[in-house]
């Protein structure tokens, strides 16, 4: 799993930073460490934090501002503290929460766009967009619940797998099946089967579903 690889990489960089710290050799009032090993550790740490959290996250920004270019023991200690905090957050599930919140924000924006399309008379594009959000949301939900998902799984397959595992009940499964029908009518050009009410229910229902299951 990706999170396991990230944990292992953070742990390895913490260990590497501690090794860099052990190269400390007092030079008067300065606390220098091995310059080459320091540069390597710093670069790898910054890349990982940016990839995992993005460049604007507190961890990435703090590491960039507190771990200076000078190969000093004090900078290594600061960086180790940030890496350890990131690893602790991962171990307690906080990183997953951040990801879920980010995904929820994206889904919410897309559903607002779908609602706007519907209000302006574009029911088919609105249904297609909401259906795409539903598919991505169900795929993400299945992955979080440890349900095996294949690239070829369609919306109905995802719906069945999730219901079979008891993530939601059979009534909800039937509701999702109805929304899938609305999305398919739009995608296959069966516009006579679409009503604004059904599309509105799809948009609202997808938002409710993705906001209620975790």
N, C-alpha and C. Protein backbone atom coordinates (compact mmCIF):
# COMPACT_ATOMS: atom_id res chain seq x y z
N UNK A 1 0.85 -1.21 0.00
CA UNK A 1 0.00 0.00 0.00
C UNK A 1 0.88 1.25 0.00
N UNK A 2 0.35 2.31 -0.61
CA UNK A 2 1.11 3.55 -0.74
C UNK A 2 1.47 4.13 0.62
N UNK A 3 0.52 4.14 1.57
CA UNK A 3 0.81 4.72 2.88
C UNK A 3 1.94 3.98 3.57
N UNK A 4 1.99 2.67 3.40
CA UNK A 4 3.07 1.90 3.99
C UNK A 4 4.42 2.28 3.42
N UNK A 5 4.47 2.51 2.11
CA UNK A 5 5.71 2.93 1.47
C UNK A 5 6.14 4.31 1.98
N UNK A 6 5.17 5.20 2.17
CA UNK A 6 5.49 6.54 2.66
C UNK A 6 6.03 6.46 4.09
N UNK A 7 5.39 5.64 4.92
CA UNK A 7 5.88 5.46 6.30
C UNK A 7 7.31 4.95 6.31
N UNK A 8 7.56 3.96 5.47
CA UNK A 8 8.91 3.39 5.41
C UNK A 8 9.92 4.43 4.96
N UNK A 9 9.52 5.25 4.00
CA UNK A 9 10.43 6.27 3.50
C UNK A 9 10.69 7.34 4.55
N UNK A 10 9.66 7.76 5.26
CA UNK A 10 9.86 8.74 6.34
C UNK A 10 10.78 8.17 7.41
N UNK A 11 10.55 6.92 7.79
CA UNK A 11 11.39 6.28 8.81
C UNK A 11 12.83 6.20 8.34
N UNK A 12 13.02 5.89 7.05
CA UNK A 12 14.37 5.78 6.52
C UNK A 12 15.07 7.14 6.52
N UNK A 13 14.33 8.20 6.22
CA UNK A 13 14.93 9.54 6.21
C UNK A 13 15.22 10.03 7.62
N UNK A 14 14.41 9.61 8.58
CA UNK A 14 14.71 9.94 9.98
C UNK A 14 16.01 9.25 10.39
N UNK A 15 16.12 7.98 10.03
CA UNK A 15 17.35 7.24 10.34
C UNK A 15 18.55 7.87 9.64
N UNK A 16 18.34 8.29 8.40
CA UNK A 16 19.43 8.91 7.65
C UNK A 16 19.84 10.24 8.27
N UNK A 17 18.86 11.01 8.73
CA UNK A 17 19.16 12.28 9.38
C UNK A 17 19.93 12.08 10.67
N UNK A 18 19.57 11.04 11.41
CA UNK A 18 20.29 10.74 12.65
C UNK A 18 21.74 10.35 12.35
N UNK A 19 21.94 9.66 11.23
CA UNK A 19 23.29 9.30 10.82
C UNK A 19 24.09 10.55 10.45
N UNK A 20 23.42 11.50 9.78
CA UNK A 20 24.07 12.76 9.44
C UNK A 20 24.46 13.50 10.72
N UNK A 21 23.58 13.47 11.69
CA UNK A 21 23.83 14.15 12.96
C UNK A 21 25.06 13.58 13.66
N UNK A 22 25.29 12.30 13.47
CA UNK A 22 26.45 11.65 14.12
C UNK A 22 27.77 12.06 13.48
N UNK A 23 27.73 12.75 12.34
CA UNK A 23 28.97 13.22 11.72
C UNK A 23 29.39 14.58 12.29
N UNK A 24 28.65 15.07 13.25
CA UNK A 24 28.93 16.38 13.86
C UNK A 24 30.34 16.42 14.44
N UNK A 25 31.06 17.47 14.04
CA UNK A 25 32.40 17.70 14.56
C UNK A 25 32.51 19.16 14.99
N UNK A 26 32.70 19.40 16.26
CA UNK A 26 32.77 20.79 16.75
C UNK A 26 33.92 21.56 16.08
N UNK A 27 33.59 22.74 15.63
CA UNK A 27 34.60 23.63 15.06
C UNK A 27 34.42 24.99 15.72
N UNK A 28 35.02 25.15 16.84
CA UNK A 28 34.86 26.39 17.58
C UNK A 28 33.42 26.52 18.06
N UNK A 29 32.78 27.60 17.66
CA UNK A 29 31.40 27.84 18.08
C UNK A 29 30.39 27.24 17.10
N UNK A 30 30.87 26.59 16.04
CA UNK A 30 29.97 26.07 15.00
C UNK A 30 29.68 24.59 15.19
N UNK A 31 28.58 24.14 14.60
CA UNK A 31 28.14 22.75 14.77
C UNK A 31 27.97 22.08 13.41
N UNK A 32 29.04 21.97 12.67
CA UNK A 32 28.98 21.46 11.32
C UNK A 32 28.83 19.93 11.28
N UNK A 33 28.11 19.48 10.23
CA UNK A 33 28.01 18.05 9.95
C UNK A 33 28.53 17.83 8.53
N UNK A 34 28.63 16.56 8.13
CA UNK A 34 29.15 16.24 6.80
C UNK A 34 28.29 16.91 5.73
N UNK A 35 28.89 17.75 4.92
CA UNK A 35 28.15 18.59 3.98
C UNK A 35 27.46 17.77 2.88
N UNK A 36 28.16 16.79 2.32
CA UNK A 36 27.58 15.99 1.23
C UNK A 36 26.39 15.18 1.72
N UNK A 37 26.53 14.53 2.86
CA UNK A 37 25.45 13.71 3.40
C UNK A 37 24.27 14.58 3.84
N UNK A 38 24.59 15.76 4.34
CA UNK A 38 23.54 16.70 4.74
C UNK A 38 22.71 17.13 3.53
N UNK A 39 23.39 17.50 2.44
CA UNK A 39 22.69 17.96 1.24
C UNK A 39 21.81 16.86 0.66
N UNK A 40 22.31 15.64 0.67
CA UNK A 40 21.54 14.51 0.15
C UNK A 40 20.29 14.26 0.99
N UNK A 41 20.45 14.25 2.30
CA UNK A 41 19.32 14.02 3.22
C UNK A 41 18.29 15.14 3.11
N UNK A 42 18.76 16.37 3.06
CA UNK A 42 17.84 17.50 2.98
C UNK A 42 17.04 17.45 1.68
N UNK A 43 17.72 17.22 0.56
CA UNK A 43 17.03 17.18 -0.73
C UNK A 43 15.98 16.08 -0.78
N UNK A 44 16.34 14.90 -0.33
CA UNK A 44 15.40 13.78 -0.35
C UNK A 44 14.21 14.04 0.56
N UNK A 45 14.44 14.65 1.69
CA UNK A 45 13.36 14.95 2.63
C UNK A 45 12.39 15.97 2.05
N UNK A 46 12.92 17.00 1.41
CA UNK A 46 12.07 18.04 0.83
C UNK A 46 11.22 17.48 -0.31
N UNK A 47 11.82 16.61 -1.13
CA UNK A 47 11.08 16.00 -2.23
C UNK A 47 9.93 15.15 -1.69
N UNK A 48 10.20 14.34 -0.68
CA UNK A 48 9.17 13.47 -0.12
C UNK A 48 8.03 14.29 0.49
N UNK A 49 8.36 15.29 1.28
CA UNK A 49 7.32 16.11 1.92
C UNK A 49 6.46 16.82 0.87
N UNK A 50 7.09 17.31 -0.19
CA UNK A 50 6.33 17.99 -1.24
C UNK A 50 5.42 17.01 -1.98
N UNK A 51 5.89 15.79 -2.20
CA UNK A 51 5.08 14.79 -2.91
C UNK A 51 3.91 14.32 -2.07
N UNK A 52 4.14 14.16 -0.77
CA UNK A 52 3.11 13.61 0.10
C UNK A 52 2.10 14.68 0.52
N UNK A 53 2.59 15.86 0.92
CA UNK A 53 1.72 16.88 1.49
C UNK A 53 1.42 18.04 0.55
N UNK A 54 2.25 18.26 -0.44
CA UNK A 54 2.29 19.36 -1.41
C UNK A 54 3.13 20.49 -0.84
N UNK A 55 3.57 21.38 -1.72
CA UNK A 55 4.55 22.40 -1.34
C UNK A 55 4.00 23.46 -0.39
N UNK A 56 2.68 23.61 -0.35
CA UNK A 56 2.10 24.64 0.50
C UNK A 56 1.75 24.18 1.90
N UNK A 57 1.93 22.89 2.18
CA UNK A 57 1.59 22.36 3.50
C UNK A 57 2.59 22.84 4.55
N UNK A 58 2.12 22.89 5.79
CA UNK A 58 2.97 23.37 6.89
C UNK A 58 4.26 22.58 7.00
N UNK A 59 4.17 21.25 6.86
CA UNK A 59 5.39 20.44 6.97
C UNK A 59 6.41 20.81 5.90
N UNK A 60 5.96 20.96 4.66
CA UNK A 60 6.87 21.30 3.57
C UNK A 60 7.46 22.68 3.77
N UNK A 61 6.60 23.63 4.11
CA UNK A 61 7.09 25.00 4.29
C UNK A 61 8.02 25.12 5.50
N UNK A 62 7.68 24.44 6.58
CA UNK A 62 8.52 24.49 7.78
C UNK A 62 9.89 23.89 7.51
N UNK A 63 9.91 22.77 6.82
CA UNK A 63 11.20 22.14 6.52
C UNK A 63 12.04 23.07 5.66
N UNK A 64 11.41 23.68 4.64
CA UNK A 64 12.15 24.56 3.75
C UNK A 64 12.70 25.79 4.45
N UNK A 65 11.97 26.30 5.43
CA UNK A 65 12.40 27.53 6.11
C UNK A 65 13.32 27.27 7.30
N UNK A 66 13.17 26.12 7.95
CA UNK A 66 13.95 25.84 9.17
C UNK A 66 15.21 25.02 8.93
N UNK A 67 15.26 24.34 7.80
CA UNK A 67 16.46 23.55 7.47
C UNK A 67 17.24 24.32 6.43
N UNK A 68 18.24 25.05 6.86
CA UNK A 68 18.95 26.00 6.01
C UNK A 68 19.97 25.28 5.13
N UNK A 69 20.63 26.07 4.25
CA UNK A 69 21.62 25.50 3.34
C UNK A 69 22.91 25.11 4.07
N UNK A 70 23.19 25.75 5.19
CA UNK A 70 24.40 25.42 5.92
C UNK A 70 24.31 24.05 6.57
N UNK A 71 25.34 23.25 6.43
CA UNK A 71 25.35 21.89 6.99
C UNK A 71 25.62 21.96 8.49
N UNK A 72 24.58 22.25 9.24
CA UNK A 72 24.72 22.45 10.69
C UNK A 72 23.86 21.44 11.44
N UNK A 73 24.35 21.02 12.58
CA UNK A 73 23.63 20.04 13.39
C UNK A 73 22.27 20.56 13.83
N UNK A 74 22.18 21.83 14.11
CA UNK A 74 20.91 22.41 14.58
C UNK A 74 19.82 22.30 13.50
N UNK A 75 20.24 22.42 12.23
CA UNK A 75 19.27 22.29 11.15
C UNK A 75 18.80 20.84 10.98
N UNK A 76 19.72 19.92 11.20
CA UNK A 76 19.35 18.51 11.13
C UNK A 76 18.33 18.19 12.21
N UNK A 77 18.54 18.71 13.40
CA UNK A 77 17.62 18.46 14.51
C UNK A 77 16.23 19.02 14.20
N UNK A 78 16.19 20.21 13.62
CA UNK A 78 14.89 20.79 13.25
C UNK A 78 14.18 19.91 12.21
N UNK A 79 14.94 19.50 11.20
CA UNK A 79 14.36 18.66 10.16
C UNK A 79 13.88 17.33 10.69
N UNK A 80 14.64 16.75 11.60
CA UNK A 80 14.23 15.48 12.18
C UNK A 80 12.92 15.63 12.95
N UNK A 81 12.76 16.75 13.62
CA UNK A 81 11.52 16.99 14.35
C UNK A 81 10.32 17.06 13.41
N UNK A 82 10.49 17.68 12.26
CA UNK A 82 9.40 17.80 11.28
C UNK A 82 9.09 16.45 10.66
N UNK A 83 10.11 15.69 10.30
CA UNK A 83 9.90 14.36 9.72
C UNK A 83 9.22 13.43 10.71
N UNK A 84 9.62 13.52 11.99
CA UNK A 84 9.01 12.67 13.01
C UNK A 84 7.54 13.05 13.21
N UNK A 85 7.24 14.33 13.17
CA UNK A 85 5.85 14.78 13.31
C UNK A 85 5.01 14.26 12.15
N UNK A 86 5.56 14.31 10.94
CA UNK A 86 4.83 13.80 9.77
C UNK A 86 4.58 12.30 9.90
N UNK A 87 5.58 11.57 10.37
CA UNK A 87 5.42 10.12 10.55
C UNK A 87 4.38 9.82 11.63
N UNK A 88 4.40 10.56 12.71
CA UNK A 88 3.42 10.37 13.78
C UNK A 88 2.00 10.62 13.25
N UNK A 89 1.83 11.67 12.44
CA UNK A 89 0.52 11.95 11.87
C UNK A 89 0.04 10.81 10.98
N UNK A 90 0.97 10.25 10.21
CA UNK A 90 0.61 9.12 9.36
C UNK A 90 0.19 7.92 10.20
N UNK A 91 0.95 7.65 11.25
CA UNK A 91 0.67 6.49 12.09
C UNK A 91 -0.67 6.61 12.82
N UNK A 92 -1.12 7.84 13.03
CA UNK A 92 -2.40 8.05 13.71
C UNK A 92 -3.54 8.33 12.73
N UNK A 93 -3.28 8.17 11.43
CA UNK A 93 -4.33 8.30 10.44
C UNK A 93 -4.67 9.71 10.01
N UNK A 94 -3.89 10.70 10.44
CA UNK A 94 -4.23 12.08 10.11
C UNK A 94 -3.98 12.40 8.65
N UNK A 95 -3.00 11.76 8.03
CA UNK A 95 -2.72 12.02 6.63
C UNK A 95 -3.89 11.59 5.77
N UNK A 96 -4.49 10.44 6.09
CA UNK A 96 -5.65 9.98 5.34
C UNK A 96 -6.79 10.98 5.45
N UNK A 97 -6.94 11.55 6.65
CA UNK A 97 -7.99 12.54 6.85
C UNK A 97 -7.77 13.75 5.95
N UNK A 98 -6.54 14.19 5.83
CA UNK A 98 -6.22 15.32 4.97
C UNK A 98 -6.58 15.00 3.53
N UNK A 99 -6.23 13.78 3.09
CA UNK A 99 -6.54 13.38 1.72
C UNK A 99 -8.03 13.35 1.47
N UNK A 100 -8.75 12.81 2.44
CA UNK A 100 -10.21 12.71 2.27
C UNK A 100 -10.85 14.08 2.22
N UNK A 101 -10.35 15.00 3.03
CA UNK A 101 -10.90 16.36 3.01
C UNK A 101 -10.62 17.03 1.67
N UNK A 102 -9.43 16.81 1.13
CA UNK A 102 -9.09 17.39 -0.16
C UNK A 102 -9.98 16.82 -1.26
N UNK A 103 -10.18 15.50 -1.22
CA UNK A 103 -11.05 14.87 -2.21
C UNK A 103 -12.47 15.38 -2.09
N UNK A 104 -12.94 15.52 -0.85
CA UNK A 104 -14.31 15.99 -0.62
C UNK A 104 -14.49 17.39 -1.18
N UNK A 105 -13.46 18.23 -1.05
CA UNK A 105 -13.55 19.60 -1.57
C UNK A 105 -13.64 19.59 -3.09
N UNK A 106 -12.85 18.73 -3.73
CA UNK A 106 -12.88 18.63 -5.19
C UNK A 106 -14.25 18.13 -5.65
N UNK A 107 -14.76 17.08 -5.00
CA UNK A 107 -16.06 16.53 -5.36
C UNK A 107 -17.16 17.58 -5.20
N UNK A 108 -17.08 18.35 -4.11
CA UNK A 108 -18.08 19.37 -3.85
C UNK A 108 -18.08 20.43 -4.95
N UNK A 109 -16.89 20.84 -5.40
CA UNK A 109 -16.79 21.83 -6.47
C UNK A 109 -17.39 21.30 -7.77
N UNK A 110 -17.12 20.03 -8.06
CA UNK A 110 -17.64 19.44 -9.30
C UNK A 110 -19.16 19.30 -9.25
N UNK A 111 -19.69 18.95 -8.09
CA UNK A 111 -21.14 18.84 -7.96
C UNK A 111 -21.81 20.20 -8.08
N UNK A 112 -21.15 21.23 -7.59
CA UNK A 112 -21.67 22.59 -7.77
C UNK A 112 -21.71 22.96 -9.25
N UNK A 113 -20.70 22.52 -9.99
CA UNK A 113 -20.69 22.78 -11.43
C UNK A 113 -21.83 22.03 -12.11
N UNK A 114 -22.07 20.78 -11.68
CA UNK A 114 -23.16 20.00 -12.24
C UNK A 114 -24.50 20.68 -11.96
N UNK A 115 -24.66 21.19 -10.76
CA UNK A 115 -25.89 21.87 -10.39
C UNK A 115 -26.09 23.13 -11.25
N UNK A 116 -25.00 23.82 -11.50
CA UNK A 116 -25.06 25.03 -12.34
C UNK A 116 -25.47 24.68 -13.77
N UNK A 117 -24.93 23.58 -14.28
CA UNK A 117 -25.30 23.14 -15.63
C UNK A 117 -26.79 22.82 -15.71
N UNK A 118 -27.28 22.13 -14.68
CA UNK A 118 -28.70 21.76 -14.66
C UNK A 118 -29.58 23.00 -14.61
N UNK A 119 -29.21 23.96 -13.80
CA UNK A 119 -30.00 25.20 -13.68
C UNK A 119 -30.06 25.96 -15.00
N UNK A 120 -29.06 25.77 -15.85
CA UNK A 120 -29.01 26.47 -17.12
C UNK A 120 -29.50 25.61 -18.29
N UNK A 121 -30.17 24.52 -17.95
CA UNK A 121 -30.80 23.72 -18.98
C UNK A 121 -29.97 22.61 -19.59
N UNK A 122 -28.79 22.36 -19.03
CA UNK A 122 -27.91 21.32 -19.58
C UNK A 122 -27.98 20.08 -18.70
N UNK A 123 -29.09 19.38 -18.79
CA UNK A 123 -29.31 18.25 -17.88
C UNK A 123 -28.39 17.07 -18.17
N UNK A 124 -28.13 16.78 -19.44
CA UNK A 124 -27.28 15.63 -19.78
C UNK A 124 -25.83 15.83 -19.31
N UNK A 125 -25.19 16.98 -19.63
CA UNK A 125 -23.84 17.20 -19.11
C UNK A 125 -23.80 17.20 -17.57
N UNK A 126 -24.86 17.73 -16.95
CA UNK A 126 -24.92 17.74 -15.48
C UNK A 126 -24.93 16.32 -14.93
N UNK A 127 -25.73 15.45 -15.56
CA UNK A 127 -25.81 14.05 -15.12
C UNK A 127 -24.50 13.33 -15.35
N UNK A 128 -23.85 13.59 -16.48
CA UNK A 128 -22.57 12.95 -16.78
C UNK A 128 -21.50 13.35 -15.76
N UNK A 129 -21.47 14.64 -15.42
CA UNK A 129 -20.48 15.13 -14.47
C UNK A 129 -20.73 14.55 -13.08
N UNK A 130 -21.98 14.56 -12.63
CA UNK A 130 -22.30 14.00 -11.31
C UNK A 130 -22.01 12.50 -11.28
N UNK A 131 -22.26 11.82 -12.42
CA UNK A 131 -21.96 10.39 -12.49
C UNK A 131 -20.48 10.11 -12.40
N UNK A 132 -19.68 10.98 -13.00
CA UNK A 132 -18.22 10.81 -12.91
C UNK A 132 -17.75 10.99 -11.46
N UNK A 133 -18.34 11.96 -10.76
CA UNK A 133 -18.00 12.16 -9.35
C UNK A 133 -18.40 10.91 -8.54
N UNK A 134 -19.56 10.35 -8.85
CA UNK A 134 -20.02 9.15 -8.15
C UNK A 134 -19.04 7.99 -8.37
N UNK A 135 -18.61 7.81 -9.60
CA UNK A 135 -17.69 6.70 -9.90
C UNK A 135 -16.36 6.86 -9.18
N UNK A 136 -15.82 8.06 -9.24
CA UNK A 136 -14.55 8.30 -8.55
C UNK A 136 -14.71 8.15 -7.04
N UNK A 137 -15.84 8.63 -6.52
CA UNK A 137 -16.09 8.53 -5.09
C UNK A 137 -16.24 7.10 -4.63
N UNK A 138 -16.96 6.28 -5.40
CA UNK A 138 -17.13 4.87 -5.02
C UNK A 138 -15.82 4.10 -5.13
N UNK A 139 -15.03 4.43 -6.14
CA UNK A 139 -13.73 3.76 -6.29
C UNK A 139 -12.82 4.09 -5.11
N UNK A 140 -12.83 5.36 -4.72
CA UNK A 140 -12.02 5.78 -3.57
C UNK A 140 -12.53 5.14 -2.28
N UNK A 141 -13.85 5.08 -2.12
CA UNK A 141 -14.45 4.48 -0.93
C UNK A 141 -14.08 3.00 -0.84
N UNK A 142 -14.19 2.30 -1.94
CA UNK A 142 -13.85 0.87 -1.95
C UNK A 142 -12.40 0.66 -1.56
N UNK A 143 -11.52 1.48 -2.09
CA UNK A 143 -10.09 1.35 -1.77
C UNK A 143 -9.84 1.58 -0.29
N UNK A 144 -10.49 2.61 0.28
CA UNK A 144 -10.30 2.90 1.70
C UNK A 144 -10.81 1.77 2.58
N UNK A 145 -11.83 1.06 2.12
CA UNK A 145 -12.41 -0.03 2.90
C UNK A 145 -11.72 -1.37 2.64
N UNK A 146 -10.65 -1.34 1.86
CA UNK A 146 -9.91 -2.56 1.60
C UNK A 146 -10.59 -3.51 0.63
N UNK A 147 -11.50 -3.00 -0.19
CA UNK A 147 -12.21 -3.81 -1.17
C UNK A 147 -11.40 -3.86 -2.46
N UNK A 148 -11.16 -5.06 -2.97
CA UNK A 148 -10.38 -5.21 -4.19
C UNK A 148 -11.13 -4.58 -5.36
N UNK A 149 -10.46 -3.67 -6.04
CA UNK A 149 -11.05 -2.95 -7.17
C UNK A 149 -10.18 -3.17 -8.40
N UNK A 150 -10.81 -3.48 -9.52
CA UNK A 150 -10.10 -3.66 -10.77
C UNK A 150 -10.37 -2.48 -11.69
N UNK A 151 -9.44 -2.22 -12.60
CA UNK A 151 -9.59 -1.09 -13.51
C UNK A 151 -10.85 -1.22 -14.36
N UNK A 152 -11.26 -2.44 -14.65
CA UNK A 152 -12.43 -2.64 -15.51
C UNK A 152 -13.76 -2.56 -14.75
N UNK A 153 -13.71 -2.45 -13.42
CA UNK A 153 -14.95 -2.35 -12.65
C UNK A 153 -15.72 -1.10 -13.05
N UNK A 154 -17.00 -1.28 -13.42
CA UNK A 154 -17.82 -0.13 -13.73
C UNK A 154 -18.59 0.32 -12.49
N UNK A 155 -19.44 1.30 -12.66
CA UNK A 155 -20.17 1.85 -11.52
C UNK A 155 -21.01 0.79 -10.80
N UNK A 156 -21.73 0.00 -11.55
CA UNK A 156 -22.59 -0.99 -10.92
C UNK A 156 -21.77 -2.05 -10.18
N UNK A 157 -20.64 -2.43 -10.75
CA UNK A 157 -19.76 -3.39 -10.09
C UNK A 157 -19.25 -2.83 -8.77
N UNK A 158 -18.85 -1.57 -8.78
CA UNK A 158 -18.38 -0.93 -7.55
C UNK A 158 -19.50 -0.88 -6.52
N UNK A 159 -20.68 -0.51 -6.98
CA UNK A 159 -21.84 -0.42 -6.10
C UNK A 159 -22.12 -1.77 -5.44
N UNK A 160 -22.09 -2.84 -6.23
CA UNK A 160 -22.36 -4.18 -5.70
C UNK A 160 -21.30 -4.62 -4.70
N UNK A 161 -20.04 -4.37 -5.03
CA UNK A 161 -18.96 -4.79 -4.14
C UNK A 161 -19.04 -4.08 -2.79
N UNK A 162 -19.33 -2.79 -2.84
CA UNK A 162 -19.41 -2.00 -1.60
C UNK A 162 -20.59 -2.46 -0.75
N UNK A 163 -21.72 -2.70 -1.38
CA UNK A 163 -22.90 -3.16 -0.63
C UNK A 163 -22.67 -4.57 -0.08
N UNK A 164 -22.04 -5.44 -0.86
CA UNK A 164 -21.78 -6.81 -0.41
C UNK A 164 -20.90 -6.83 0.84
N UNK A 165 -20.03 -5.84 0.97
CA UNK A 165 -19.16 -5.76 2.15
C UNK A 165 -19.83 -5.04 3.32
N UNK A 166 -21.08 -4.59 3.13
CA UNK A 166 -21.82 -3.96 4.22
C UNK A 166 -21.43 -2.54 4.51
N UNK A 167 -20.73 -1.89 3.57
CA UNK A 167 -20.37 -0.48 3.77
C UNK A 167 -21.63 0.37 3.79
N UNK A 168 -22.58 0.04 2.94
CA UNK A 168 -23.92 0.62 3.04
C UNK A 168 -24.94 -0.48 2.75
N UNK A 169 -26.21 -0.22 3.13
CA UNK A 169 -27.22 -1.28 3.06
C UNK A 169 -27.82 -1.42 1.66
N UNK A 170 -28.73 -2.40 1.51
CA UNK A 170 -29.30 -2.72 0.20
C UNK A 170 -30.20 -1.60 -0.33
N UNK A 171 -30.83 -0.85 0.58
CA UNK A 171 -31.65 0.27 0.14
C UNK A 171 -30.77 1.32 -0.53
N UNK A 172 -29.66 1.61 0.09
CA UNK A 172 -28.73 2.57 -0.51
C UNK A 172 -28.21 2.02 -1.84
N UNK A 173 -27.96 0.71 -1.91
CA UNK A 173 -27.50 0.11 -3.14
C UNK A 173 -28.50 0.35 -4.28
N UNK A 174 -29.80 0.21 -3.97
CA UNK A 174 -30.84 0.44 -4.98
C UNK A 174 -30.87 1.91 -5.41
N UNK A 175 -30.66 2.81 -4.43
CA UNK A 175 -30.63 4.24 -4.78
C UNK A 175 -29.48 4.53 -5.73
N UNK A 176 -28.31 3.97 -5.41
CA UNK A 176 -27.13 4.18 -6.25
C UNK A 176 -27.37 3.60 -7.63
N UNK A 177 -28.03 2.44 -7.70
CA UNK A 177 -28.34 1.83 -9.00
C UNK A 177 -29.23 2.76 -9.84
N UNK A 178 -30.17 3.42 -9.19
CA UNK A 178 -31.03 4.37 -9.90
C UNK A 178 -30.19 5.53 -10.45
N UNK A 179 -29.27 6.06 -9.63
CA UNK A 179 -28.42 7.17 -10.08
C UNK A 179 -27.54 6.73 -11.25
N UNK A 180 -27.08 5.48 -11.20
CA UNK A 180 -26.27 4.95 -12.29
C UNK A 180 -27.09 4.94 -13.58
N UNK A 181 -28.36 4.59 -13.47
CA UNK A 181 -29.24 4.59 -14.64
C UNK A 181 -29.39 5.98 -15.23
N UNK A 182 -29.49 6.99 -14.38
CA UNK A 182 -29.59 8.37 -14.85
C UNK A 182 -28.30 8.77 -15.56
N UNK A 183 -27.17 8.44 -14.96
CA UNK A 183 -25.88 8.76 -15.57
C UNK A 183 -25.73 8.05 -16.92
N UNK A 184 -26.10 6.77 -16.99
CA UNK A 184 -25.97 6.02 -18.23
C UNK A 184 -26.86 6.58 -19.34
N UNK A 185 -28.06 7.03 -18.97
CA UNK A 185 -28.96 7.62 -19.96
C UNK A 185 -28.32 8.85 -20.59
N UNK A 186 -27.64 9.64 -19.76
CA UNK A 186 -26.97 10.84 -20.28
C UNK A 186 -25.78 10.47 -21.15
N UNK A 187 -24.98 9.52 -20.69
CA UNK A 187 -23.76 9.14 -21.42
C UNK A 187 -24.07 8.44 -22.74
N UNK A 188 -25.19 7.72 -22.79
CA UNK A 188 -25.54 6.95 -23.99
C UNK A 188 -26.49 7.70 -24.93
N UNK A 189 -26.77 8.94 -24.58
CA UNK A 189 -27.59 9.76 -25.47
C UNK A 189 -29.08 9.48 -25.40
N UNK A 190 -29.52 8.80 -24.34
CA UNK A 190 -30.95 8.51 -24.19
C UNK A 190 -31.62 9.67 -23.45
N UNK A 191 -31.65 10.82 -24.11
CA UNK A 191 -32.08 12.04 -23.44
C UNK A 191 -33.56 12.04 -23.08
N UNK A 192 -34.35 11.22 -23.81
CA UNK A 192 -35.78 11.17 -23.51
C UNK A 192 -36.06 10.49 -22.18
N UNK A 193 -35.04 9.77 -21.65
CA UNK A 193 -35.19 9.10 -20.36
C UNK A 193 -34.78 10.00 -19.20
N UNK A 194 -34.25 11.18 -19.51
CA UNK A 194 -33.78 12.10 -18.47
C UNK A 194 -34.86 13.09 -18.08
N UNK A 195 -35.00 13.33 -16.81
CA UNK A 195 -35.84 14.43 -16.32
C UNK A 195 -34.98 15.29 -15.41
N UNK A 196 -35.31 16.56 -15.35
CA UNK A 196 -34.55 17.46 -14.47
C UNK A 196 -34.64 17.00 -13.02
N UNK A 197 -35.76 16.45 -12.64
CA UNK A 197 -35.92 15.98 -11.26
C UNK A 197 -34.96 14.84 -10.96
N UNK A 198 -34.84 13.90 -11.90
CA UNK A 198 -33.94 12.77 -11.69
C UNK A 198 -32.48 13.23 -11.62
N UNK A 199 -32.13 14.16 -12.48
CA UNK A 199 -30.75 14.67 -12.47
C UNK A 199 -30.47 15.42 -11.17
N UNK A 200 -31.45 16.20 -10.72
CA UNK A 200 -31.28 16.92 -9.45
C UNK A 200 -31.12 15.94 -8.30
N UNK A 201 -31.90 14.84 -8.32
CA UNK A 201 -31.77 13.81 -7.29
C UNK A 201 -30.40 13.16 -7.33
N UNK A 202 -29.89 12.94 -8.54
CA UNK A 202 -28.55 12.36 -8.70
C UNK A 202 -27.49 13.26 -8.06
N UNK A 203 -27.53 14.52 -8.39
CA UNK A 203 -26.53 15.46 -7.87
C UNK A 203 -26.60 15.54 -6.35
N UNK A 204 -27.82 15.72 -5.84
CA UNK A 204 -28.00 15.81 -4.39
C UNK A 204 -27.64 14.51 -3.70
N UNK A 205 -28.04 13.40 -4.30
CA UNK A 205 -27.78 12.10 -3.70
C UNK A 205 -26.31 11.76 -3.64
N UNK A 206 -25.58 12.08 -4.70
CA UNK A 206 -24.13 11.82 -4.71
C UNK A 206 -23.44 12.62 -3.61
N UNK A 207 -23.83 13.88 -3.48
CA UNK A 207 -23.24 14.70 -2.42
C UNK A 207 -23.53 14.14 -1.05
N UNK A 208 -24.77 13.69 -0.85
CA UNK A 208 -25.15 13.12 0.44
C UNK A 208 -24.39 11.82 0.73
N UNK A 209 -24.30 10.97 -0.30
CA UNK A 209 -23.62 9.68 -0.12
C UNK A 209 -22.16 9.85 0.23
N UNK A 210 -21.45 10.66 -0.56
CA UNK A 210 -20.01 10.83 -0.33
C UNK A 210 -19.72 11.59 0.96
N UNK A 211 -20.71 12.34 1.44
CA UNK A 211 -20.52 13.03 2.72
C UNK A 211 -20.83 12.19 3.93
N UNK A 212 -21.53 11.06 3.70
CA UNK A 212 -21.99 10.26 4.85
C UNK A 212 -21.18 9.00 5.09
N UNK A 213 -20.50 8.50 4.05
CA UNK A 213 -19.73 7.27 4.21
C UNK A 213 -18.27 7.62 4.32
N UNK A 214 -17.58 6.93 5.21
CA UNK A 214 -16.16 7.22 5.43
C UNK A 214 -15.37 5.95 5.46
